[in-house]
Each structure stands twice: as C-alpha cells, then as structure tokens.
Amino acid sequence: MSEGGTKKPNYLTNGRETTKRRYMGITMLPLTPTILMELKDKLREFPEEITTGVYIHKVVVSSPAYNGGLHAGDIIIDINGTKIRSASDVYDLVEKHETLHVTVIRGTHREHYLVDTETI
C-alpha cells in the first residue's frame, strides 16, 4: 500500500534537514486482475472498459482527498487528463500540481472531483 504523496527538495530547519512533499491523503492499491475480477463479480454493471487505475483502500479523515470528496473503494482512472496506470502515476501528478482534477469510478458510475493537495 502507498500513501498519496511524493518527496520534495530537502530544507534545513533548526540545523536539521527535512523533506517537504505534497500530500493527498490516500492509501492505494494497484488495480490488479484479481481486484478487477472481484469488483466485476460484486458489481455486475462494472464498466468493462476499466482495466487500469488505482483502488483507494483508505482516505485519511480531513485530508485533501477527504475534503475533495474521494471515498475508500473509489478507483482513480484519470488525474488532470492523464490516464492512471499505477501508484507512481498518482505520485508524479501530486508532486506537479496543487489542484488535481480526479476522475474515479464509484460503483458503476464515473465521478469527477477537485482535490487541493497540501505540502507537509
């Protein structure tokens, strides 16, 4: 499982080196064939065209993802027009953009959300 955030350049604080990174507030899993099969078994009308993305396992309460409306169980398929194939894709986009236009599959529906990332 992975946290939705990436590292930023190091800064010195009181003589200690710290790392700043942008934060979204999710734990995610790659959308494996096994997870896809389970979703299709559970949701008979699950969109057949969905073959890649990341499954949101957990959303941290009061995090940017939580405040933006994302839920555990959502499948992120697109961020800012980029098709999501892995957690690395999410990390890269979180690092590059303060505001994320996130497209998810929730149940059998495609939903769109805005997530304003934080720097921690």
PDB file of N, CA and C in Angstrom:
ATOM      1  N   MET A   1       0.842  -1.168   0.000  1.00  0.00           N
ATOM      2  CA  MET A   1       0.000   0.000   0.000  1.00  0.00           C
ATOM      3  C   MET A   1       0.887   1.230   0.000  1.00  0.00           C
ATOM      4  N   SER A   2       0.345   2.307  -0.536  1.00  0.00           N
ATOM      5  CA  SER A   2       1.147   3.507  -0.704  1.00  0.00           C
ATOM      6  C   SER A   2       0.377   4.724  -0.237  1.00  0.00           C
ATOM      7  N   GLU A   3       1.057   5.688   0.321  1.00  0.00           N
ATOM      8  CA  GLU A   3       0.451   6.963   0.676  1.00  0.00           C
ATOM      9  C   GLU A   3       0.499   7.868  -0.534  1.00  0.00           C
ATOM     10  N   GLY A   4      -0.544   8.662  -0.743  1.00  0.00           N
ATOM     11  CA  GLY A   4      -0.598   9.547  -1.903  1.00  0.00           C
ATOM     12  C   GLY A   4       0.200  10.805  -1.681  1.00  0.00           C
ATOM     13  N   GLY A   5       1.472  10.785  -1.874  1.00  0.00           N
ATOM     14  CA  GLY A   5       2.331  11.953  -1.729  1.00  0.00           C
ATOM     15  C   GLY A   5       3.709  11.641  -2.243  1.00  0.00           C
ATOM     16  N   THR A   6       4.460  12.691  -2.557  1.00  0.00           N
ATOM     17  CA  THR A   6       5.811  12.481  -3.053  1.00  0.00           C
ATOM     18  C   THR A   6       6.761  13.428  -2.361  1.00  0.00           C
ATOM     19  N   LYS A   7       8.051  13.111  -2.420  1.00  0.00           N
ATOM     20  CA  LYS A   7       9.061  13.914  -1.748  1.00  0.00           C
ATOM     21  C   LYS A   7       9.384  15.175  -2.530  1.00  0.00           C
ATOM     22  N   LYS A   8       9.689  16.233  -1.798  1.00  0.00           N
ATOM     23  CA  LYS A   8      10.155  17.496  -2.367  1.00  0.00           C
ATOM     24  C   LYS A   8      11.589  17.717  -1.922  1.00  0.00           C
ATOM     25  N   PRO A   9      12.233  18.748  -2.448  1.00  0.00           N
ATOM     26  CA  PRO A   9      13.629  19.009  -2.061  1.00  0.00           C
ATOM     27  C   PRO A   9      13.789  19.168  -0.552  1.00  0.00           C
ATOM     28  N   ASN A  10      14.982  18.883  -0.056  1.00  0.00           N
ATOM     29  CA  ASN A  10      15.275  18.999   1.373  1.00  0.00           C
ATOM     30  C   ASN A  10      15.460  20.457   1.775  1.00  0.00           C
ATOM     31  N   TYR A  11      15.051  20.790   2.985  1.00  0.00           N
ATOM     32  CA  TYR A  11      15.214  22.119   3.557  1.00  0.00           C
ATOM     33  C   TYR A  11      15.838  21.954   4.936  1.00  0.00           C
ATOM     34  N   LEU A  12      16.533  22.982   5.405  1.00  0.00           N
ATOM     35  CA  LEU A  12      17.113  22.939   6.746  1.00  0.00           C
ATOM     36  C   LEU A  12      16.181  23.624   7.728  1.00  0.00           C
ATOM     37  N   THR A  13      15.913  22.959   8.854  1.00  0.00           N
ATOM     38  CA  THR A  13      15.094  23.512   9.915  1.00  0.00           C
ATOM     39  C   THR A  13      15.834  23.288  11.218  1.00  0.00           C
ATOM     40  N   ASN A  14      16.211  24.396  11.896  1.00  0.00           N
ATOM     41  CA  ASN A  14      16.957  24.293  13.151  1.00  0.00           C
ATOM     42  C   ASN A  14      18.164  23.367  13.009  1.00  0.00           C
ATOM     43  N   GLY A  15      18.866  23.476  11.898  1.00  0.00           N
ATOM     44  CA  GLY A  15      20.056  22.673  11.686  1.00  0.00           C
ATOM     45  C   GLY A  15      19.799  21.249  11.237  1.00  0.00           C
ATOM     46  N   ARG A  16      18.516  20.854  11.159  1.00  0.00           N
ATOM     47  CA  ARG A  16      18.164  19.505  10.697  1.00  0.00           C
ATOM     48  C   ARG A  16      17.626  19.583   9.279  1.00  0.00           C
ATOM     49  N   GLU A  17      17.960  18.592   8.505  1.00  0.00           N
ATOM     50  CA  GLU A  17      17.448  18.526   7.146  1.00  0.00           C
ATOM     51  C   GLU A  17      16.069  17.871   7.175  1.00  0.00           C
ATOM     52  N   THR A  18      15.090  18.492   6.521  1.00  0.00           N
ATOM     53  CA  THR A  18      13.751  17.915   6.438  1.00  0.00           C
ATOM     54  C   THR A  18      13.360  17.801   4.972  1.00  0.00           C
ATOM     55  N   THR A  19      12.351  17.013   4.704  1.00  0.00           N
ATOM     56  CA  THR A  19      11.879  16.827   3.345  1.00  0.00           C
ATOM     57  C   THR A  19      10.440  17.311   3.258  1.00  0.00           C
ATOM     58  N   LYS A  20      10.179  18.213   2.330  1.00  0.00           N
ATOM     59  CA  LYS A  20       8.819  18.680   2.075  1.00  0.00           C
ATOM     60  C   LYS A  20       8.243  17.835   0.955  1.00  0.00           C
ATOM     61  N   ARG A  21       6.958  17.526   1.064  1.00  0.00           N
ATOM     62  CA  ARG A  21       6.305  16.799  -0.010  1.00  0.00           C
ATOM     63  C   ARG A  21       4.849  17.207  -0.088  1.00  0.00           C
ATOM     64  N   ARG A  22       4.287  17.002  -1.244  1.00  0.00           N
ATOM     65  CA  ARG A  22       2.877  17.302  -1.451  1.00  0.00           C
ATOM     66  C   ARG A  22       2.071  16.075  -1.018  1.00  0.00           C
ATOM     67  N   TYR A  23       0.900  16.324  -0.434  1.00  0.00           N
ATOM     68  CA  TYR A  23       0.128  15.279   0.232  1.00  0.00           C
ATOM     69  C   TYR A  23      -1.311  15.291  -0.256  1.00  0.00           C
ATOM     70  N   MET A  24      -1.840  14.093  -0.505  1.00  0.00           N
ATOM     71  CA  MET A  24      -3.226  13.938  -0.935  1.00  0.00           C
ATOM     72  C   MET A  24      -4.066  13.246   0.141  1.00  0.00           C
ATOM     73  N   GLY A  25      -3.487  12.253   0.836  1.00  0.00           N
ATOM     74  CA  GLY A  25      -4.188  11.625   1.949  1.00  0.00           C
ATOM     75  C   GLY A  25      -4.941  10.352   1.621  1.00  0.00           C
ATOM     76  N   ILE A  26      -4.360   9.515   0.750  1.00  0.00           N
ATOM     77  CA  ILE A  26      -4.992   8.230   0.453  1.00  0.00           C
ATOM     78  C   ILE A  26      -3.972   7.105   0.583  1.00  0.00           C
ATOM     79  N   THR A  27      -4.493   5.921   0.851  1.00  0.00           N
ATOM     80  CA  THR A  27      -3.720   4.697   0.731  1.00  0.00           C
ATOM     81  C   THR A  27      -4.311   3.977  -0.471  1.00  0.00           C
ATOM     82  N   MET A  28      -3.452   3.538  -1.386  1.00  0.00           N
ATOM     83  CA  MET A  28      -3.968   2.976  -2.633  1.00  0.00           C
ATOM     84  C   MET A  28      -3.296   1.661  -2.979  1.00  0.00           C
ATOM     85  N   LEU A  29      -3.995   0.903  -3.790  1.00  0.00           N
ATOM     86  CA  LEU A  29      -3.509  -0.383  -4.286  1.00  0.00           C
ATOM     87  C   LEU A  29      -3.572  -0.365  -5.807  1.00  0.00           C
ATOM     88  N   PRO A  30      -2.633  -1.035  -6.467  1.00  0.00           N
ATOM     89  CA  PRO A  30      -2.743  -1.124  -7.927  1.00  0.00           C
ATOM     90  C   PRO A  30      -3.986  -1.934  -8.294  1.00  0.00           C
ATOM     91  N   LEU A  31      -4.599  -1.586  -9.394  1.00  0.00           N
ATOM     92  CA  LEU A  31      -5.790  -2.295  -9.859  1.00  0.00           C
ATOM     93  C   LEU A  31      -5.333  -3.560 -10.592  1.00  0.00           C
ATOM     94  N   THR A  32      -5.157  -4.621  -9.830  1.00  0.00           N
ATOM     95  CA  THR A  32      -4.655  -5.890 -10.375  1.00  0.00           C
ATOM     96  C   THR A  32      -5.800  -6.669 -11.032  1.00  0.00           C
ATOM     97  N   PRO A  33      -5.478  -7.666 -11.838  1.00  0.00           N
ATOM     98  CA  PRO A  33      -6.532  -8.511 -12.413  1.00  0.00           C
ATOM     99  C   PRO A  33      -7.421  -9.150 -11.343  1.00  0.00           C
ATOM    100  N   THR A  34      -6.846  -9.523 -10.203  1.00  0.00           N
ATOM    101  CA  THR A  34      -7.633 -10.126  -9.121  1.00  0.00           C
ATOM    102  C   THR A  34      -8.634  -9.128  -8.549  1.00  0.00           C
ATOM    103  N   ILE A  35      -8.180  -7.902  -8.278  1.00  0.00           N
ATOM    104  CA  ILE A  35      -9.087  -6.875  -7.751  1.00  0.00           C
ATOM    105  C   ILE A  35     -10.168  -6.562  -8.778  1.00  0.00           C
ATOM    106  N   LEU A  36      -9.789  -6.444 -10.053  1.00  0.00           N
ATOM    107  CA  LEU A  36     -10.770  -6.192 -11.112  1.00  0.00           C
ATOM    108  C   LEU A  36     -11.824  -7.299 -11.160  1.00  0.00           C
ATOM    109  N   MET A  37     -11.394  -8.546 -11.075  1.00  0.00           N
ATOM    110  CA  MET A  37     -12.322  -9.671 -11.118  1.00  0.00           C
ATOM    111  C   MET A  37     -13.301  -9.610  -9.942  1.00  0.00           C
ATOM    112  N   GLU A  38     -12.784  -9.294  -8.746  1.00  0.00           N
ATOM    113  CA  GLU A  38     -13.653  -9.186  -7.568  1.00  0.00           C
ATOM    114  C   GLU A  38     -14.667  -8.061  -7.735  1.00  0.00           C
ATOM    115  N   LEU A  39     -14.229  -6.923  -8.285  1.00  0.00           N
ATOM    116  CA  LEU A  39     -15.145  -5.805  -8.496  1.00  0.00           C
ATOM    117  C   LEU A  39     -16.228  -6.168  -9.504  1.00  0.00           C
ATOM    118  N   LYS A  40     -15.842  -6.839 -10.573  1.00  0.00           N
ATOM    119  CA  LYS A  40     -16.813  -7.231 -11.603  1.00  0.00           C
ATOM    120  C   LYS A  40     -17.786  -8.282 -11.081  1.00  0.00           C
ATOM    121  N   ASP A  41     -17.320  -9.164 -10.181  1.00  0.00           N
ATOM    122  CA  ASP A  41     -18.216 -10.147  -9.570  1.00  0.00           C
ATOM    123  C   ASP A  41     -19.211  -9.468  -8.634  1.00  0.00           C
ATOM    124  N   LYS A  42     -18.732  -8.469  -7.897  1.00  0.00           N
ATOM    125  CA  LYS A  42     -19.550  -7.749  -6.923  1.00  0.00           C
ATOM    126  C   LYS A  42     -20.540  -6.803  -7.601  1.00  0.00           C
ATOM    127  N   LEU A  43     -20.078  -6.119  -8.633  1.00  0.00           N
ATOM    128  CA  LEU A  43     -20.890  -5.112  -9.321  1.00  0.00           C
ATOM    129  C   LEU A  43     -21.109  -5.565 -10.761  1.00  0.00           C
ATOM    130  N   ARG A  44     -22.216  -6.190 -11.008  1.00  0.00           N
ATOM    131  CA  ARG A  44     -22.491  -6.766 -12.330  1.00  0.00           C
ATOM    132  C   ARG A  44     -22.400  -5.734 -13.457  1.00  0.00           C
ATOM    133  N   GLU A  45     -22.667  -4.475 -13.164  1.00  0.00           N
ATOM    134  CA  GLU A  45     -22.634  -3.431 -14.194  1.00  0.00           C
ATOM    135  C   GLU A  45     -21.332  -2.641 -14.175  1.00  0.00           C
ATOM    136  N   PHE A  46     -20.286  -3.199 -13.579  1.00  0.00           N
ATOM    137  CA  PHE A  46     -18.990  -2.526 -13.545  1.00  0.00           C
ATOM    138  C   PHE A  46     -18.530  -2.287 -14.980  1.00  0.00           C
ATOM    139  N   PRO A  47     -18.068  -1.052 -15.291  1.00  0.00           N
ATOM    140  CA  PRO A  47     -17.678  -0.722 -16.670  1.00  0.00           C
ATOM    141  C   PRO A  47     -16.566  -1.638 -17.200  1.00  0.00           C
ATOM    142  N   GLU A  48     -16.843  -2.354 -18.276  1.00  0.00           N
ATOM    143  CA  GLU A  48     -15.887  -3.302 -18.868  1.00  0.00           C
ATOM    144  C   GLU A  48     -14.616  -2.630 -19.362  1.00  0.00           C
ATOM    145  N   GLU A  49     -14.721  -1.360 -19.783  1.00  0.00           N
ATOM    146  CA  GLU A  49     -13.553  -0.673 -20.354  1.00  0.00           C
ATOM    147  C   GLU A  49     -12.501  -0.310 -19.307  1.00  0.00           C
ATOM    148  N   ILE A  50     -12.826  -0.423 -18.033  1.00  0.00           N
ATOM    149  CA  ILE A  50     -11.871  -0.092 -16.975  1.00  0.00           C
ATOM    150  C   ILE A  50     -10.932  -1.278 -16.763  1.00  0.00           C
ATOM    151  N   THR A  51      -9.667  -1.068 -17.114  1.00  0.00           N
ATOM    152  CA  THR A  51      -8.663  -2.128 -16.967  1.00  0.00           C
ATOM    153  C   THR A  51      -7.430  -1.649 -16.201  1.00  0.00           C
ATOM    154  N   THR A  52      -7.307  -0.337 -16.016  1.00  0.00           N
ATOM    155  CA  THR A  52      -6.178   0.221 -15.271  1.00  0.00           C
ATOM    156  C   THR A  52      -6.683   1.279 -14.306  1.00  0.00           C
ATOM    157  N   GLY A  53      -5.841   1.602 -13.344  1.00  0.00           N
ATOM    158  CA  GLY A  53      -6.169   2.612 -12.349  1.00  0.00           C
ATOM    159  C   GLY A  53      -5.603   2.190 -11.008  1.00  0.00           C
ATOM    160  N   VAL A  54      -5.963   2.941  -9.969  1.00  0.00           N
ATOM    161  CA  VAL A  54      -5.591   2.561  -8.608  1.00  0.00           C
ATOM    162  C   VAL A  54      -6.847   2.550  -7.742  1.00  0.00           C
ATOM    163  N   TYR A  55      -6.897   1.574  -6.872  1.00  0.00           N
ATOM    164  CA  TYR A  55      -8.017   1.376  -5.959  1.00  0.00           C
ATOM    165  C   TYR A  55      -7.708   2.117  -4.667  1.00  0.00           C
ATOM    166  N   ILE A  56      -8.617   3.000  -4.225  1.00  0.00           N
ATOM    167  CA  ILE A  56      -8.415   3.711  -2.960  1.00  0.00           C
ATOM    168  C   ILE A  56      -8.835   2.784  -1.822  1.00  0.00           C
ATOM    169  N   HIS A  57      -7.846   2.369  -1.045  1.00  0.00           N
ATOM    170  CA  HIS A  57      -8.092   1.477   0.093  1.00  0.00           C
ATOM    171  C   HIS A  57      -8.561   2.274   1.311  1.00  0.00           C
ATOM    172  N   LYS A  58      -7.975   3.460   1.507  1.00  0.00           N
ATOM    173  CA  LYS A  58      -8.285   4.268   2.688  1.00  0.00           C
ATOM    174  C   LYS A  58      -8.139   5.743   2.340  1.00  0.00           C
ATOM    175  N   VAL A  59      -9.022   6.566   2.900  1.00  0.00           N
ATOM    176  CA  VAL A  59      -8.920   8.022   2.794  1.00  0.00           C
ATOM    177  C   VAL A  59      -8.760   8.562   4.209  1.00  0.00           C
ATOM    178  N   VAL A  60      -7.716   9.331   4.433  1.00  0.00           N
ATOM    179  CA  VAL A  60      -7.448   9.908   5.750  1.00  0.00           C
ATOM    180  C   VAL A  60      -8.466  11.020   6.021  1.00  0.00           C
ATOM    181  N   VAL A  61      -9.135  10.947   7.181  1.00  0.00           N
ATOM    182  CA  VAL A  61     -10.128  11.950   7.562  1.00  0.00           C
ATOM    183  C   VAL A  61      -9.476  13.329   7.605  1.00  0.00           C
ATOM    184  N   SER A  62     -10.150  14.319   7.061  1.00  0.00           N
ATOM    185  CA  SER A  62      -9.718  15.724   6.995  1.00  0.00           C
ATOM    186  C   SER A  62      -8.543  15.956   6.047  1.00  0.00           C
ATOM    187  N   SER A  63      -8.170  14.968   5.262  1.00  0.00           N
ATOM    188  CA  SER A  63      -7.093  15.128   4.278  1.00  0.00           C
ATOM    189  C   SER A  63      -7.634  15.832   3.034  1.00  0.00           C
ATOM    190  N   PRO A  64      -6.749  16.274   2.131  1.00  0.00           N
ATOM    191  CA  PRO A  64      -7.217  16.872   0.879  1.00  0.00           C
ATOM    192  C   PRO A  64      -8.160  15.941   0.098  1.00  0.00           C
ATOM    193  N   ALA A  65      -7.852  14.655   0.044  1.00  0.00           N
ATOM    194  CA  ALA A  65      -8.713  13.708  -0.677  1.00  0.00           C
ATOM    195  C   ALA A  65     -10.094  13.621  -0.020  1.00  0.00           C
ATOM    196  N   TYR A  66     -10.115  13.568   1.302  1.00  0.00           N
ATOM    197  CA  TYR A  66     -11.370  13.513   2.061  1.00  0.00           C
ATOM    198  C   TYR A  66     -12.192  14.775   1.807  1.00  0.00           C
ATOM    199  N   ASN A  67     -11.537  15.930   1.927  1.00  0.00           N
ATOM    200  CA  ASN A  67     -12.226  17.203   1.713  1.00  0.00           C
ATOM    201  C   ASN A  67     -12.690  17.371   0.270  1.00  0.00           C
ATOM    202  N   GLY A  68     -11.985  16.729  -0.662  1.00  0.00           N
ATOM    203  CA  GLY A  68     -12.357  16.804  -2.072  1.00  0.00           C
ATOM    204  C   GLY A  68     -13.462  15.843  -2.472  1.00  0.00           C
ATOM    205  N   GLY A  69     -13.840  14.928  -1.566  1.00  0.00           N
ATOM    206  CA  GLY A  69     -14.956  14.036  -1.839  1.00  0.00           C
ATOM    207  C   GLY A  69     -14.602  12.617  -2.234  1.00  0.00           C
ATOM    208  N   LEU A  70     -13.317  12.251  -2.207  1.00  0.00           N
ATOM    209  CA  LEU A  70     -12.932  10.882  -2.558  1.00  0.00           C
ATOM    210  C   LEU A  70     -13.281   9.928  -1.422  1.00  0.00           C
ATOM    211  N   HIS A  71     -13.604   8.685  -1.777  1.00  0.00           N
ATOM    212  CA  HIS A  71     -14.003   7.669  -0.801  1.00  0.00           C
ATOM    213  C   HIS A  71     -13.163   6.412  -0.955  1.00  0.00           C
ATOM    214  N   ALA A  72     -13.026   5.666   0.135  1.00  0.00           N
ATOM    215  CA  ALA A  72     -12.448   4.326   0.044  1.00  0.00           C
ATOM    216  C   ALA A  72     -13.334   3.521  -0.903  1.00  0.00           C
ATOM    217  N   GLY A  73     -12.702   2.743  -1.769  1.00  0.00           N
ATOM    218  CA  GLY A  73     -13.449   1.959  -2.755  1.00  0.00           C
ATOM    219  C   GLY A  73     -13.511   2.607  -4.122  1.00  0.00           C
ATOM    220  N   ASP A  74     -13.218   3.909  -4.195  1.00  0.00           N
ATOM    221  CA  ASP A  74     -13.155   4.574  -5.499  1.00  0.00           C
ATOM    222  C   ASP A  74     -11.958   4.040  -6.277  1.00  0.00           C
ATOM    223  N   ILE A  75     -12.060   4.066  -7.589  1.00  0.00           N
ATOM    224  CA  ILE A  75     -10.947   3.697  -8.458  1.00  0.00           C
ATOM    225  C   ILE A  75     -10.550   4.935  -9.245  1.00  0.00           C
ATOM    226  N   ILE A  76      -9.331   5.419  -9.011  1.00  0.00           N
ATOM    227  CA  ILE A  76      -8.840   6.584  -9.749  1.00  0.00           C
ATOM    228  C   ILE A  76      -8.403   6.112 -11.127  1.00  0.00           C
ATOM    229  N   ILE A  77      -9.025   6.699 -12.174  1.00  0.00           N
ATOM    230  CA  ILE A  77      -8.673   6.307 -13.541  1.00  0.00           C
ATOM    231  C   ILE A  77      -7.997   7.434 -14.313  1.00  0.00           C
ATOM    232  N   ASP A  78      -8.119   8.677 -13.817  1.00  0.00           N
ATOM    233  CA  ASP A  78      -7.564   9.815 -14.546  1.00  0.00           C
ATOM    234  C   ASP A  78      -7.320  10.958 -13.571  1.00  0.00           C
ATOM    235  N   ILE A  79      -6.190  11.641 -13.734  1.00  0.00           N
ATOM    236  CA  ILE A  79      -5.915  12.866 -12.982  1.00  0.00           C
ATOM    237  C   ILE A  79      -5.388  13.895 -13.968  1.00  0.00           C
ATOM    238  N   ASN A  80      -6.037  15.043 -14.009  1.00  0.00           N
ATOM    239  CA  ASN A  80      -5.631  16.155 -14.880  1.00  0.00           C
ATOM    240  C   ASN A  80      -5.413  15.706 -16.322  1.00  0.00           C
ATOM    241  N   GLY A  81      -6.274  14.820 -16.803  1.00  0.00           N
ATOM    242  CA  GLY A  81      -6.192  14.373 -18.190  1.00  0.00           C
ATOM    243  C   GLY A  81      -5.197  13.262 -18.452  1.00  0.00           C
ATOM    244  N   THR A  82      -4.513  12.770 -17.415  1.00  0.00           N
ATOM    245  CA  THR A  82      -3.547  11.685 -17.567  1.00  0.00           C
ATOM    246  C   THR A  82      -4.173  10.381 -17.078  1.00  0.00           C
ATOM    247  N   LYS A  83      -4.184   9.367 -17.938  1.00  0.00           N
ATOM    248  CA  LYS A  83      -4.710   8.056 -17.555  1.00  0.00           C
ATOM    249  C   LYS A  83      -3.811   7.450 -16.481  1.00  0.00           C
ATOM    250  N   ILE A  84      -4.409   6.964 -15.404  1.00  0.00           N
ATOM    251  CA  ILE A  84      -3.658   6.407 -14.279  1.00  0.00           C
ATOM    252  C   ILE A  84      -3.497   4.904 -14.468  1.00  0.00           C
ATOM    253  N   ARG A  85      -2.237   4.457 -14.430  1.00  0.00           N
ATOM    254  CA  ARG A  85      -1.926   3.038 -14.580  1.00  0.00           C
ATOM    255  C   ARG A  85      -1.301   2.449 -13.311  1.00  0.00           C
ATOM    256  N   SER A  86      -0.757   3.331 -12.446  1.00  0.00           N
ATOM    257  CA  SER A  86      -0.057   2.839 -11.253  1.00  0.00           C
ATOM    258  C   SER A  86      -0.040   3.919 -10.182  1.00  0.00           C
ATOM    259  N   ALA A  87       0.363   3.520  -8.971  1.00  0.00           N
ATOM    260  CA  ALA A  87       0.519   4.486  -7.882  1.00  0.00           C
ATOM    261  C   ALA A  87       1.582   5.520  -8.236  1.00  0.00           C
ATOM    262  N   SER A  88       2.596   5.124  -8.985  1.00  0.00           N
ATOM    263  CA  SER A  88       3.649   6.066  -9.403  1.00  0.00           C
ATOM    264  C   SER A  88       3.077   7.212 -10.223  1.00  0.00           C
ATOM    265  N   ASP A  89       2.089   6.922 -11.062  1.00  0.00           N
ATOM    266  CA  ASP A  89       1.437   7.986 -11.837  1.00  0.00           C
ATOM    267  C   ASP A  89       0.786   8.998 -10.902  1.00  0.00           C
ATOM    268  N   VAL A  90       0.131   8.498  -9.850  1.00  0.00           N
ATOM    269  CA  VAL A  90      -0.516   9.390  -8.877  1.00  0.00           C
ATOM    270  C   VAL A  90       0.539  10.229  -8.169  1.00  0.00           C
ATOM    271  N   TYR A  91       1.622   9.594  -7.695  1.00  0.00           N
ATOM    272  CA  TYR A  91       2.696  10.331  -7.018  1.00  0.00           C
ATOM    273  C   TYR A  91       3.233  11.459  -7.897  1.00  0.00           C
ATOM    274  N   ASP A  92       3.510  11.154  -9.154  1.00  0.00           N
ATOM    275  CA  ASP A  92       4.064  12.155 -10.072  1.00  0.00           C
ATOM    276  C   ASP A  92       3.129  13.343 -10.238  1.00  0.00           C
ATOM    277  N   LEU A  93       1.840  13.083 -10.377  1.00  0.00           N
ATOM    278  CA  LEU A  93       0.876  14.164 -10.579  1.00  0.00           C
ATOM    279  C   LEU A  93       0.634  14.963  -9.304  1.00  0.00           C
ATOM    280  N   VAL A  94       0.639  14.295  -8.155  1.00  0.00           N
ATOM    281  CA  VAL A  94       0.504  15.007  -6.874  1.00  0.00           C
ATOM    282  C   VAL A  94       1.669  15.975  -6.712  1.00  0.00           C
ATOM    283  N   GLU A  95       2.863  15.548  -7.095  1.00  0.00           N
ATOM    284  CA  GLU A  95       4.052  16.398  -6.985  1.00  0.00           C
ATOM    285  C   GLU A  95       3.979  17.621  -7.904  1.00  0.00           C
ATOM    286  N   LYS A  96       3.407  17.457  -9.073  1.00  0.00           N
ATOM    287  CA  LYS A  96       3.429  18.503 -10.101  1.00  0.00           C
ATOM    288  C   LYS A  96       2.298  19.517 -10.000  1.00  0.00           C
ATOM    289  N   HIS A  97       1.197  19.165  -9.340  1.00  0.00           N
ATOM    290  CA  HIS A  97       0.009  20.021  -9.370  1.00  0.00           C
ATOM    291  C   HIS A  97      -0.545  20.263  -7.967  1.00  0.00           C
ATOM    292  N   GLU A  98      -0.902  21.517  -7.683  1.00  0.00           N
ATOM    293  CA  GLU A  98      -1.555  21.830  -6.410  1.00  0.00           C
ATOM    294  C   GLU A  98      -3.011  21.396  -6.430  1.00  0.00           C
ATOM    295  N   THR A  99      -3.678  21.556  -7.575  1.00  0.00           N
ATOM    296  CA  THR A  99      -5.071  21.154  -7.719  1.00  0.00           C
ATOM    297  C   THR A  99      -5.151  19.991  -8.691  1.00  0.00           C
ATOM    298  N   LEU A 100      -5.847  18.951  -8.275  1.00  0.00           N
ATOM    299  CA  LEU A 100      -5.993  17.754  -9.095  1.00  0.00           C
ATOM    300  C   LEU A 100      -7.444  17.597  -9.527  1.00  0.00           C
ATOM    301  N   HIS A 101      -7.656  17.410 -10.818  1.00  0.00           N
ATOM    302  CA  HIS A 101      -8.967  17.069 -11.370  1.00  0.00           C
ATOM    303  C   HIS A 101      -8.977  15.543 -11.459  1.00  0.00           C
ATOM    304  N   VAL A 102      -9.675  14.915 -10.521  1.00  0.00           N
ATOM    305  CA  VAL A 102      -9.609  13.461 -10.360  1.00  0.00           C
ATOM    306  C   VAL A 102     -10.893  12.824 -10.886  1.00  0.00           C
ATOM    307  N   THR A 103     -10.734  11.846 -11.780  1.00  0.00           N
ATOM    308  CA  THR A 103     -11.866  11.067 -12.274  1.00  0.00           C
ATOM    309  C   THR A 103     -11.785   9.686 -11.641  1.00  0.00           C
ATOM    310  N   VAL A 104     -12.898   9.276 -11.039  1.00  0.00           N
ATOM    311  CA  VAL A 104     -12.947   7.969 -10.380  1.00  0.00           C
ATOM    312  C   VAL A 104     -14.145   7.176 -10.886  1.00  0.00           C
ATOM    313  N   ILE A 105     -14.046   5.876 -10.692  1.00  0.00           N
ATOM    314  CA  ILE A 105     -15.209   5.004 -10.831  1.00  0.00           C
ATOM    315  C   ILE A 105     -15.675   4.730  -9.408  1.00  0.00           C
ATOM    316  N   ARG A 106     -16.927   5.068  -9.142  1.00  0.00           N
ATOM    317  CA  ARG A 106     -17.540   4.792  -7.834  1.00  0.00           C
ATOM    318  C   ARG A 106     -18.746   3.903  -8.103  1.00  0.00           C
ATOM    319  N   GLY A 107     -18.633   2.659  -7.703  1.00  0.00           N
ATOM    320  CA  GLY A 107     -19.693   1.708  -8.044  1.00  0.00           C
ATOM    321  C   GLY A 107     -19.670   1.468  -9.542  1.00  0.00           C
ATOM    322  N   THR A 108     -20.741   1.867 -10.210  1.00  0.00           N
ATOM    323  CA  THR A 108     -20.805   1.718 -11.667  1.00  0.00           C
ATOM    324  C   THR A 108     -20.770   3.060 -12.379  1.00  0.00           C
ATOM    325  N   HIS A 109     -20.539   4.139 -11.630  1.00  0.00           N
ATOM    326  CA  HIS A 109     -20.587   5.485 -12.210  1.00  0.00           C
ATOM    327  C   HIS A 109     -19.219   6.146 -12.252  1.00  0.00           C
ATOM    328  N   ARG A 110     -19.041   6.992 -13.236  1.00  0.00           N
ATOM    329  CA  ARG A 110     -17.840   7.819 -13.378  1.00  0.00           C
ATOM    330  C   ARG A 110     -18.136   9.151 -12.681  1.00  0.00           C
ATOM    331  N   GLU A 111     -17.244   9.552 -11.765  1.00  0.00           N
ATOM    332  CA  GLU A 111     -17.420  10.790 -10.996  1.00  0.00           C
ATOM    333  C   GLU A 111     -16.174  11.656 -11.141  1.00  0.00           C
ATOM    334  N   HIS A 112     -16.346  12.975 -10.976  1.00  0.00           N
ATOM    335  CA  HIS A 112     -15.231  13.921 -11.110  1.00  0.00           C
ATOM    336  C   HIS A 112     -15.133  14.767  -9.840  1.00  0.00           C
ATOM    337  N   TYR A 113     -13.908  14.946  -9.343  1.00  0.00           N
ATOM    338  CA  TYR A 113     -13.674  15.691  -8.110  1.00  0.00           C
ATOM    339  C   TYR A 113     -12.456  16.587  -8.253  1.00  0.00           C
ATOM    340  N   LEU A 114     -12.442  17.667  -7.472  1.00  0.00           N
ATOM    341  CA  LEU A 114     -11.274  18.543  -7.361  1.00  0.00           C
ATOM    342  C   LEU A 114     -10.632  18.304  -6.006  1.00  0.00           C
ATOM    343  N   VAL A 115      -9.326  18.061  -6.013  1.00  0.00           N
ATOM    344  CA  VAL A 115      -8.582  17.845  -4.773  1.00  0.00           C
ATOM    345  C   VAL A 115      -7.441  18.849  -4.734  1.00  0.00           C
ATOM    346  N   ASP A 116      -7.425  19.694  -3.703  1.00  0.00           N
ATOM    347  CA  ASP A 116      -6.335  20.653  -3.497  1.00  0.00           C
ATOM    348  C   ASP A 116      -5.324  20.016  -2.556  1.00  0.00           C
ATOM    349  N   THR A 117      -4.147  19.670  -3.089  1.00  0.00           N
ATOM    350  CA  THR A 117      -3.131  18.997  -2.283  1.00  0.00           C
ATOM    351  C   THR A 117      -2.542  19.948  -1.250  1.00  0.00           C
ATOM    352  N   GLU A 118      -1.890  19.377  -0.237  1.00  0.00           N
ATOM    353  CA  GLU A 118      -1.198  20.152   0.798  1.00  0.00           C
ATOM    354  C   GLU A 118       0.281  19.822   0.750  1.00  0.00           C
ATOM    355  N   THR A 119       1.103  20.752   1.209  1.00  0.00           N
ATOM    356  CA  THR A 119       2.522  20.473   1.372  1.00  0.00           C
ATOM    357  C   THR A 119       2.767  20.208   2.842  1.00  0.00           C
ATOM    358  N   ILE A 120       3.419  19.079   3.130  1.00  0.00           N
ATOM    359  CA  ILE A 120       3.694  18.736   4.532  1.00  0.00           C
ATOM    360  C   ILE A 120       5.182  18.547   4.733  1.00  0.00           C
TER     361      ILE A 120
END
